[in-house]
């Protein structure tokens, strides 16, 4: 119990900081890291108490920043300084009582005093967080954080310097080496924690982004299906009316009028009906809903702009599991947007899309009519270049960067005979399993 009382300061600072900084300690990963931090600080408090607070700060700072990377450094410093001064004030006020308890060598009394002071510290930390921190402005918190932490850091360095000076002459070098080794170990631990947490956050962010894009793509696809269904209902209603009107012509034996009526009203409707739903049926051959949805959305957009669209999908298209659909959605979105933009400028031409299998590879070809004086390919791929002026468009440089993220993606761009062709090949994983 004596060691628990000696190390009570770092334990109390640790608990106060968790409360003031609102760290989600119950998360499995945070609970594990917090336990390690507490064990390290506890042992340092027993053997070299002059350095325990500095080590505790570095570790808690790393943990706090990795949990909330948007939080400003000044706020973290402010929370730690407040946690430190609360404990420091308690120790200063009850120094005589602590000395008497230690001299009594009563383990039960030591334990009860530890629980009492810990409870008071935690209660005060909750009070400060609710009634003080919540009312402070960001500017005041940042300013206070830098000022208060400077005081804490200076005081801890003073204690450390004093500890080294009072050490026996023959042990000073050994003391300095121990302190140096502790800081080296601290840097290594902080580096490992930072790397692990950054990778974890990147993975979670990527998964979240992927799910969000898939969800949005599915929503767009569902909305398009609903739109097509409504068109079917409307067409069915109109078609019944058309049949009724045809019946009137036949009853009156007005065959020439019926023929004119057929060519003016029925035949165009049949062509539109056939065109829309043939394309929709072809898109069903793409198994991935996110990829299917981006093509559906862009094709509908092209049709709304009166752009002629030709779509050919020869067979069932199943993408390799190793390909991130988020990257493909972004690539196809850019390529299709660029093609639609070019055709809108021309106000004529055609958008042709072909998707097929070649052996085990999947080929996507997006081809559109292009201007006679279209810019050279190297200029189109320049970072920030846009045909729309003022750098408002999405250049092919973005696509190139996305392609580089996936080893088994190949993009071939051809500008020839007023045709702009993008050929994206998705190679199977067999190419990456071959020995170098």
Protein backbone atom coordinates (compact mmCIF):
# COMPACT_ATOMS: atom_id res chain seq x y z
CA UNK A 1 0.00 0.00 0.00
CA UNK A 2 2.97 2.29 0.53
CA UNK A 3 3.80 2.20 -3.20
CA UNK A 4 0.16 2.86 -4.08
CA UNK A 5 0.24 5.98 -1.93
CA UNK A 6 3.55 7.10 -3.43
CA UNK A 7 2.23 6.67 -6.97
CA UNK A 8 -1.19 8.14 -6.18
CA UNK A 9 -0.32 11.45 -7.89
CA UNK A 10 0.17 9.97 -11.36
CA UNK A 11 -2.94 7.81 -10.96
CA UNK A 12 -5.00 10.86 -10.02
CA UNK A 13 -3.57 12.98 -12.85
CA UNK A 14 -4.31 10.10 -15.23
CA UNK A 15 -7.96 9.83 -14.11
CA UNK A 16 -8.49 13.61 -14.08
CA UNK A 17 -7.15 13.93 -17.63
CA UNK A 18 -9.41 11.15 -18.94
CA UNK A 19 -12.42 13.01 -17.52
CA UNK A 20 -11.40 16.51 -18.63
CA UNK A 21 -10.39 15.40 -22.15
CA UNK A 22 -13.48 13.18 -22.53
CA UNK A 23 -11.43 10.23 -23.76
CA UNK A 24 -13.59 7.20 -24.70
CA UNK A 25 -11.82 4.92 -22.24
CA UNK A 26 -14.37 2.11 -22.57
CA UNK A 27 -13.34 1.41 -26.13
CA UNK A 28 -11.40 -1.82 -26.24
CA UNK A 29 -8.30 -0.36 -27.88
CA UNK A 30 -8.20 2.71 -25.62
CA UNK A 31 -8.64 0.55 -22.54
CA UNK A 32 -5.62 -1.53 -23.53
CA UNK A 33 -3.41 1.49 -24.24
CA UNK A 34 -4.54 3.28 -21.08
CA UNK A 35 -3.59 0.25 -19.01
CA UNK A 36 -0.10 0.26 -20.51
CA UNK A 37 0.28 4.00 -19.89
CA UNK A 38 -0.82 3.61 -16.27
CA UNK A 39 1.56 0.70 -15.64
CA UNK A 40 4.54 2.60 -17.10
CA UNK A 41 3.77 5.77 -15.13
CA UNK A 42 3.15 3.83 -11.91
CA UNK A 43 6.55 2.12 -12.08
CA UNK A 44 8.36 5.34 -12.94
CA UNK A 45 6.68 7.06 -10.00
CA UNK A 46 8.19 4.46 -7.68
CA UNK A 47 11.75 4.46 -9.06
CA UNK A 48 12.21 7.98 -10.57
CA UNK A 49 9.28 10.12 -9.46
CA UNK A 50 10.82 13.29 -10.91
CA UNK A 51 10.21 12.09 -14.47
CA UNK A 52 6.88 10.23 -14.14
CA UNK A 53 4.70 13.29 -14.89
CA UNK A 54 6.58 14.15 -18.10
CA UNK A 55 6.32 10.57 -19.34
CA UNK A 56 2.63 10.46 -18.41
CA UNK A 57 2.01 13.69 -20.34
CA UNK A 58 3.67 12.48 -23.54
CA UNK A 59 1.75 9.20 -23.50
CA UNK A 60 -1.60 10.82 -22.69
CA UNK A 61 -1.03 13.51 -25.31
CA UNK A 62 -0.43 10.82 -27.96
CA UNK A 63 -3.52 8.90 -26.89
CA UNK A 64 -5.71 12.01 -26.89
CA UNK A 65 -4.52 13.20 -30.29
CA UNK A 66 -4.98 9.80 -31.90
CA UNK A 67 -8.57 9.64 -30.63
CA UNK A 68 -9.44 13.13 -31.83
CA UNK A 69 -7.07 14.43 -34.49
CA UNK A 70 -9.16 17.58 -34.98
CA UNK A 71 -8.63 18.73 -31.40
CA UNK A 72 -6.20 21.62 -31.04
CA UNK A 73 -2.96 20.99 -29.16
CA UNK A 74 -3.62 23.88 -26.79
CA UNK A 75 -6.77 22.23 -25.47
CA UNK A 76 -4.95 18.98 -24.72
CA UNK A 77 -2.26 20.96 -22.86
CA UNK A 78 -4.98 22.84 -20.96
CA UNK A 79 -6.70 19.64 -19.87
CA UNK A 80 -3.43 18.09 -18.68
CA UNK A 81 -2.38 21.26 -16.83
CA UNK A 82 -5.75 21.45 -15.04
CA UNK A 83 -5.51 17.76 -14.10
CA UNK A 84 -1.99 18.36 -12.76
CA UNK A 85 -2.85 21.47 -10.72
CA UNK A 86 -5.86 19.78 -9.10
CA UNK A 87 -3.63 16.95 -7.83
CA UNK A 88 -0.81 19.35 -6.91
CA UNK A 89 -3.24 21.44 -4.84
CA UNK A 90 -4.49 18.40 -2.95
CA UNK A 91 -0.96 17.21 -2.21
CA UNK A 92 0.06 20.68 -1.02
CA UNK A 93 -2.96 21.05 1.28
CA UNK A 94 -2.70 17.58 2.83
CA UNK A 95 1.07 17.10 2.96
CA UNK A 96 1.16 16.78 6.76
CA UNK A 97 -1.66 14.23 6.77
CA UNK A 98 0.05 12.12 4.10
CA UNK A 99 3.32 12.11 6.08
CA UNK A 100 1.51 10.98 9.23
CA UNK A 101 -0.28 8.19 7.36
CA UNK A 102 2.99 6.96 5.86
CA UNK A 103 4.73 7.00 9.23
CA UNK A 104 1.84 5.07 10.75
CA UNK A 105 2.59 2.16 8.39
CA UNK A 106 -1.10 1.28 8.50
CA UNK A 107 -1.95 -0.35 5.15
CA UNK A 108 -5.69 -0.01 5.60
CA UNK A 109 -5.39 3.66 6.42
CA UNK A 110 -3.16 4.20 3.36
CA UNK A 111 -5.68 2.48 1.11
CA UNK A 112 -8.61 4.45 2.52
CA UNK A 113 -6.73 7.73 2.08
CA UNK A 114 -5.88 6.81 -1.51
CA UNK A 115 -9.55 6.04 -2.28
CA UNK A 116 -10.66 9.26 -0.56
CA UNK A 117 -8.28 11.54 -2.48
CA UNK A 118 -8.97 9.76 -5.76
CA UNK A 119 -12.72 10.21 -5.28
CA UNK A 120 -12.28 13.90 -4.47
CA UNK A 121 -10.06 14.43 -7.52
CA UNK A 122 -12.48 12.69 -9.88
CA UNK A 123 -15.44 14.62 -8.45
CA UNK A 124 -13.63 17.92 -8.86
CA UNK A 125 -12.59 17.00 -12.43
CA UNK A 126 -16.24 16.33 -13.33
CA UNK A 127 -17.23 19.63 -11.74
CA UNK A 128 -14.55 21.57 -13.66
CA UNK A 129 -15.49 19.93 -16.96
CA UNK A 130 -19.17 20.69 -16.55
CA UNK A 131 -19.14 24.17 -15.02
CA UNK A 132 -15.80 25.63 -16.14
CA UNK A 133 -14.54 24.11 -19.37
CA UNK A 134 -17.96 24.19 -21.03
CA UNK A 135 -18.14 27.98 -20.52
CA UNK A 136 -14.63 28.85 -21.75
CA UNK A 137 -14.08 30.02 -25.32
CA UNK A 138 -11.64 28.19 -27.58
CA UNK A 139 -9.30 31.17 -27.60
CA UNK A 140 -9.17 31.33 -23.80
CA UNK A 141 -8.68 27.54 -23.52
CA UNK A 142 -5.79 27.62 -25.97
CA UNK A 143 -4.11 30.59 -24.29
CA UNK A 144 -4.60 29.09 -20.84
CA UNK A 145 -3.32 25.73 -22.04
CA UNK A 146 0.00 27.11 -23.30
CA UNK A 147 0.55 29.28 -20.21
CA UNK A 148 -0.37 26.65 -17.60
CA UNK A 149 1.50 23.83 -19.30
CA UNK A 150 4.62 25.99 -19.55
CA UNK A 151 4.47 26.36 -15.76
CA UNK A 152 3.97 22.62 -15.27
CA UNK A 153 6.77 21.71 -17.66
CA UNK A 154 9.19 24.22 -16.11
CA UNK A 155 8.45 22.97 -12.61
CA UNK A 156 8.98 19.33 -13.63
CA UNK A 157 12.29 20.19 -15.32
CA UNK A 158 13.35 22.01 -12.15
CA UNK A 159 12.53 18.94 -10.04
CA UNK A 160 14.44 16.73 -12.47
CA UNK A 161 17.47 19.04 -12.40
CA UNK A 162 17.37 19.14 -8.63
CA UNK A 163 17.19 15.35 -8.48
CA UNK A 164 20.30 15.03 -10.66
CA UNK A 165 22.22 17.61 -8.61
CA UNK A 166 21.56 15.96 -5.26
CA UNK A 167 22.59 12.56 -6.58
CA UNK A 168 25.99 11.33 -5.36
CA UNK A 169 28.86 12.38 -7.64
CA UNK A 170 29.74 8.83 -8.59
CA UNK A 171 26.11 8.10 -9.50
CA UNK A 172 25.30 11.25 -11.50
CA UNK A 173 26.35 9.73 -14.81
CA UNK A 174 24.34 6.62 -14.07
CA UNK A 175 21.32 8.77 -13.17
CA UNK A 176 21.58 10.75 -16.40
CA UNK A 177 21.91 7.55 -18.43
CA UNK A 178 18.77 6.12 -16.80
CA UNK A 179 16.83 9.29 -17.58
CA UNK A 180 18.13 9.28 -21.16
CA UNK A 181 17.15 5.62 -21.63
CA UNK A 182 13.70 6.32 -20.27
CA UNK A 183 13.18 9.12 -22.80
CA UNK A 184 14.40 6.90 -25.64
CA UNK A 185 11.99 4.15 -24.61
CA UNK A 186 9.26 6.77 -24.29
CA UNK A 187 9.86 8.00 -27.83
CA UNK A 188 9.76 4.45 -29.18
CA UNK A 189 6.52 3.65 -27.36
CA UNK A 190 4.93 6.93 -28.48
CA UNK A 191 6.00 6.23 -32.05
CA UNK A 192 4.54 2.74 -32.00
CA UNK A 193 1.27 3.98 -30.48
CA UNK A 194 1.06 6.77 -33.05
CA UNK A 195 1.71 4.49 -36.02
CA UNK A 196 -0.81 1.89 -34.83
CA UNK A 197 -3.49 4.47 -34.12
CA UNK A 198 -2.95 6.31 -37.41
CA UNK A 199 -3.24 3.07 -39.38
CA UNK A 200 -6.35 2.15 -37.44
CA UNK A 201 -7.97 5.51 -38.12
CA UNK A 202 -7.05 5.35 -41.80
CA UNK A 203 -8.61 1.91 -42.08
CA UNK A 204 -11.80 3.03 -40.33
CA UNK A 205 -11.98 6.18 -42.46
CA UNK A 206 -11.55 4.16 -45.66
CA UNK A 207 -14.22 1.65 -44.61
CA UNK A 208 -16.60 4.46 -43.69
CA UNK A 209 -15.99 6.23 -47.00
CA UNK A 210 -16.47 2.99 -48.89
CA UNK A 211 -19.78 2.22 -47.15
CA UNK A 212 -20.98 5.79 -47.67
CA UNK A 213 -20.27 5.70 -51.41
CA UNK A 214 -21.84 2.27 -51.75
CA UNK A 215 -24.91 3.47 -49.86
CA UNK A 216 -25.22 6.61 -52.01
CA UNK A 217 -24.73 4.58 -55.18
CA UNK A 218 -27.40 2.12 -54.09
CA UNK A 219 -29.76 4.98 -53.31
CA UNK A 220 -29.20 6.46 -56.77
CA UNK A 221 -29.70 3.07 -58.37
CA UNK A 222 -32.92 2.45 -56.42
CA UNK A 223 -34.21 5.90 -57.34
CA UNK A 224 -33.49 5.20 -61.00
CA UNK A 225 -35.33 1.87 -60.82
CA UNK A 226 -38.29 3.62 -59.26
CA UNK A 227 -38.18 6.24 -62.00
CA UNK A 228 -38.17 3.54 -64.67
CA UNK A 229 -41.07 1.79 -62.93
CA UNK A 230 -43.08 5.01 -62.94
CA UNK A 231 -42.35 5.39 -66.64
CA UNK A 232 -43.68 1.87 -67.24
CA UNK A 233 -46.90 2.71 -65.42
CA UNK A 234 -47.28 5.94 -67.34
CA UNK A 235 -46.58 4.20 -70.63
CA UNK A 236 -49.08 1.47 -69.81
CA UNK A 237 -51.78 4.04 -69.10
CA UNK A 238 -51.00 5.95 -72.30
CA UNK A 239 -50.83 2.75 -74.31
CA UNK A 240 -54.34 1.74 -73.23
CA UNK A 241 -55.61 5.12 -74.36
CA UNK A 242 -53.79 4.70 -77.67
CA UNK A 243 -55.42 1.31 -78.24
CA UNK A 244 -58.82 2.81 -77.53
CA UNK A 245 -58.24 5.55 -80.05
CA UNK A 246 -57.05 3.00 -82.64
CA UNK A 247 -60.24 1.06 -82.09
CA UNK A 248 -62.23 4.18 -83.00
CA UNK A 249 -60.37 4.55 -86.29
CA UNK A 250 -60.96 0.90 -87.14
CA UNK A 251 -64.68 1.11 -86.33
CA UNK A 252 -64.97 4.02 -88.75
CA UNK A 253 -62.72 2.20 -91.28
CA UNK A 254 -60.43 5.22 -91.50
CA UNK A 255 -57.32 3.23 -92.40
CA UNK A 256 -55.25 6.12 -93.79
CA UNK A 257 -55.87 8.16 -90.65
CA UNK A 258 -55.01 5.10 -88.57
CA UNK A 259 -51.75 4.71 -90.47
CA UNK A 260 -50.83 8.35 -89.86
CA UNK A 261 -51.78 8.03 -86.21
CA UNK A 262 -49.58 4.95 -85.85
CA UNK A 263 -46.50 6.61 -87.35
CA UNK A 264 -46.94 9.81 -85.34
CA UNK A 265 -47.77 8.41 -81.91
CA UNK A 266 -47.23 4.67 -81.52
CA UNK A 267 -43.98 4.04 -83.35
CA UNK A 268 -41.93 6.78 -81.53
CA UNK A 269 -43.24 5.59 -78.17
CA UNK A 270 -42.23 2.02 -78.93
CA UNK A 271 -38.73 3.15 -79.87
CA UNK A 272 -38.29 5.13 -76.66
CA UNK A 273 -39.63 2.25 -74.57
CA UNK A 274 -37.31 -0.22 -76.24
CA UNK A 275 -34.23 2.03 -75.96
CA UNK A 276 -34.60 2.81 -72.27
CA UNK A 277 -35.28 -0.68 -71.04
CA UNK A 278 -32.79 -2.47 -73.23
CA UNK A 279 -30.07 -0.36 -71.61
CA UNK A 280 -31.47 -0.98 -68.17
CA UNK A 281 -31.49 -4.71 -68.74
CA UNK A 282 -27.88 -4.63 -69.95
CA UNK A 283 -26.77 -2.89 -66.78
CA UNK A 284 -28.19 -5.77 -64.74
CA UNK A 285 -25.23 -7.81 -65.99
CA UNK A 286 -22.93 -5.76 -63.73
CA UNK A 287 -23.01 -7.56 -60.38
CA UNK A 288 -21.52 -4.82 -58.20
CA UNK A 289 -24.36 -2.43 -57.22
CA UNK A 290 -22.05 0.59 -56.78
CA UNK A 291 -20.54 0.23 -60.28
CA UNK A 292 -23.94 -0.53 -61.79
CA UNK A 293 -25.39 2.55 -60.12
CA UNK A 294 -22.71 4.98 -61.33
CA UNK A 295 -23.27 3.85 -64.94
CA UNK A 296 -27.03 4.07 -64.52
CA UNK A 297 -26.82 7.58 -63.07
CA UNK A 298 -24.49 8.90 -65.77
CA UNK A 299 -26.45 7.27 -68.62
CA UNK A 300 -29.65 8.87 -67.40
CA UNK A 301 -27.84 12.21 -67.16
CA UNK A 302 -26.58 11.81 -70.73
CA UNK A 303 -30.08 11.00 -72.00
CA UNK A 304 -31.49 14.04 -70.22
CA UNK A 305 -28.93 16.13 -72.14
CA UNK A 306 -30.14 14.52 -75.40
CA UNK A 307 -26.86 12.68 -75.90
CA UNK A 308 -27.01 9.53 -78.00
CA UNK A 309 -25.84 6.58 -75.90
CA UNK A 310 -24.80 3.13 -77.08
CA UNK A 311 -24.25 0.49 -74.42
CA UNK A 312 -23.04 -3.06 -74.94
CA UNK A 313 -22.39 -5.57 -72.16
CA UNK A 314 -21.74 -8.98 -73.62
CA UNK A 315 -21.84 -11.12 -70.47
CA UNK A 316 -22.08 -11.17 -66.69
CA UNK A 317 -19.50 -8.78 -65.21
CA UNK A 318 -18.07 -9.81 -61.85
CA UNK A 319 -15.21 -7.74 -60.42
CA UNK A 320 -12.32 -9.23 -58.38
CA UNK A 321 -12.69 -8.96 -54.60
CA UNK A 322 -9.28 -7.29 -54.38
CA UNK A 323 -10.55 -4.19 -56.21
CA UNK A 324 -11.92 -1.41 -54.03
CA UNK A 325 -15.26 -0.39 -55.61
CA UNK A 326 -14.85 3.12 -54.17
CA UNK A 327 -11.85 3.74 -56.43
CA UNK A 328 -13.68 2.35 -59.47
CA UNK A 329 -16.74 4.49 -58.78
CA UNK A 330 -14.55 7.60 -58.66
CA UNK A 331 -12.70 6.62 -61.87
CA UNK A 332 -15.85 5.84 -63.87
CA UNK A 333 -17.56 8.95 -62.50
CA UNK A 334 -14.73 11.17 -63.77
CA UNK A 335 -14.44 9.44 -67.17
CA UNK A 336 -18.19 9.55 -67.81
CA UNK A 337 -18.49 13.15 -66.61
CA UNK A 338 -15.68 14.18 -68.95
CA UNK A 339 -17.29 12.37 -71.89
CA UNK A 340 -20.70 13.95 -71.21
CA UNK A 341 -19.10 17.37 -70.80
CA UNK A 342 -17.32 17.05 -74.16
CA UNK A 343 -20.51 15.95 -75.96
CA UNK A 344 -22.44 18.79 -74.34
CA UNK A 345 -19.91 21.28 -75.69
CA UNK A 346 -20.15 19.73 -79.16
CA UNK A 347 -23.94 19.49 -79.00
CA UNK A 348 -23.63 16.42 -81.20
CA UNK A 349 -21.87 13.07 -81.35
CA UNK A 350 -22.29 9.85 -79.45
CA UNK A 351 -21.28 8.19 -76.19
CA UNK A 352 -20.37 4.53 -76.59
CA UNK A 353 -19.77 2.16 -73.70
CA UNK A 354 -18.63 -1.44 -74.02
CA UNK A 355 -17.98 -3.81 -71.11
CA UNK A 356 -16.74 -7.33 -71.73
CA UNK A 357 -14.43 -10.12 -70.61
CA UNK A 358 -11.18 -10.91 -72.36
CA UNK A 359 -9.92 -14.23 -71.05
CA UNK A 360 -10.03 -13.58 -67.29
CA UNK A 361 -9.66 -9.80 -67.48
CA UNK A 362 -12.51 -7.26 -67.52
CA UNK A 363 -12.44 -4.47 -70.09
CA UNK A 364 -14.35 -1.17 -69.81
CA UNK A 365 -14.33 1.06 -72.91
CA UNK A 366 -15.79 4.57 -72.75
CA UNK A 367 -15.66 6.37 -76.09
CA UNK A 368 -17.09 9.74 -77.10
CA UNK A 369 -16.97 12.06 -80.06
CA UNK A 370 -14.36 14.78 -79.51
CA UNK A 371 -13.61 18.23 -80.86
CA UNK A 372 -11.28 18.56 -83.83
CA UNK A 373 -9.00 20.90 -81.87
CA UNK A 374 -9.04 18.95 -78.59
CA UNK A 375 -6.01 19.54 -76.37
CA UNK A 376 -3.08 17.07 -76.49
CA UNK A 377 -3.25 14.16 -74.06
CA UNK A 378 -0.27 15.33 -71.99
CA UNK A 379 -2.06 18.66 -71.41
CA UNK A 380 -5.33 16.98 -70.44
CA UNK A 381 -3.43 14.96 -67.83
CA UNK A 382 -1.78 18.03 -66.33
CA UNK A 383 -2.68 18.47 -62.67
CA UNK A 384 -5.41 21.12 -62.31
CA UNK A 385 -6.14 21.40 -66.05
CA UNK A 386 -9.78 21.92 -67.02
CA UNK A 387 -11.51 22.53 -70.32
CA UNK A 388 -14.09 24.51 -68.35
CA UNK A 389 -11.65 27.24 -67.30
CA UNK A 390 -10.58 28.53 -63.87
CA UNK A 391 -9.59 24.99 -62.86
CA UNK A 392 -13.19 24.02 -62.17
CA UNK A 393 -13.18 20.66 -63.90
CA UNK A 394 -11.85 17.24 -62.99
CA UNK A 395 -8.73 16.42 -64.99
CA UNK A 396 -7.35 13.07 -66.00
CA UNK A 397 -4.50 13.59 -63.50
CA UNK A 398 -6.95 12.58 -60.76
CA UNK A 399 -7.72 9.35 -62.61
CA UNK A 400 -4.00 8.64 -63.00
CA UNK A 401 -3.50 9.04 -59.24
CA UNK A 402 -6.35 6.63 -58.55
CA UNK A 403 -5.00 4.09 -61.04
CA UNK A 404 -1.63 4.11 -59.27
CA UNK A 405 -3.32 3.01 -56.03
CA UNK A 406 -4.38 -0.34 -57.56
CA UNK A 407 -1.65 -2.51 -59.14
CA UNK A 408 -4.00 -4.52 -61.36
CA UNK A 409 -5.64 -1.52 -63.09
CA UNK A 410 -4.45 -0.40 -66.52
CA UNK A 411 -5.77 2.66 -68.37
CA UNK A 412 -5.13 3.33 -72.05
CA UNK A 413 -6.19 6.67 -73.56
CA UNK A 414 -6.48 7.15 -77.33
CA UNK A 415 -7.38 10.33 -79.23
CA UNK A 416 -7.89 9.51 -82.89
CA UNK A 417 -10.31 10.42 -85.71
CA UNK A 418 -12.31 12.79 -83.46
CA UNK A 419 -12.84 9.99 -80.98
CA UNK A 420 -11.70 10.10 -77.36
CA UNK A 421 -11.36 6.54 -76.05
CA UNK A 422 -10.64 5.39 -72.52
CA UNK A 423 -9.91 1.68 -72.11
CA UNK A 424 -9.75 0.47 -68.51
CA UNK A 425 -8.52 -3.07 -67.97
CA UNK A 426 -8.97 -4.87 -64.66
CA UNK A 427 -6.38 -7.61 -64.50
CA UNK A 428 -7.06 -10.72 -62.47
CA UNK A 429 -5.00 -11.46 -59.38
CA UNK A 430 -3.10 -14.15 -61.22
CA UNK A 431 -0.66 -11.52 -62.46
CA UNK A 432 0.33 -10.62 -58.92
CA UNK A 433 0.90 -14.17 -57.79
CA UNK A 434 3.65 -14.81 -60.32
CA UNK A 435 7.21 -14.75 -58.96
CA UNK A 436 9.29 -11.68 -59.80
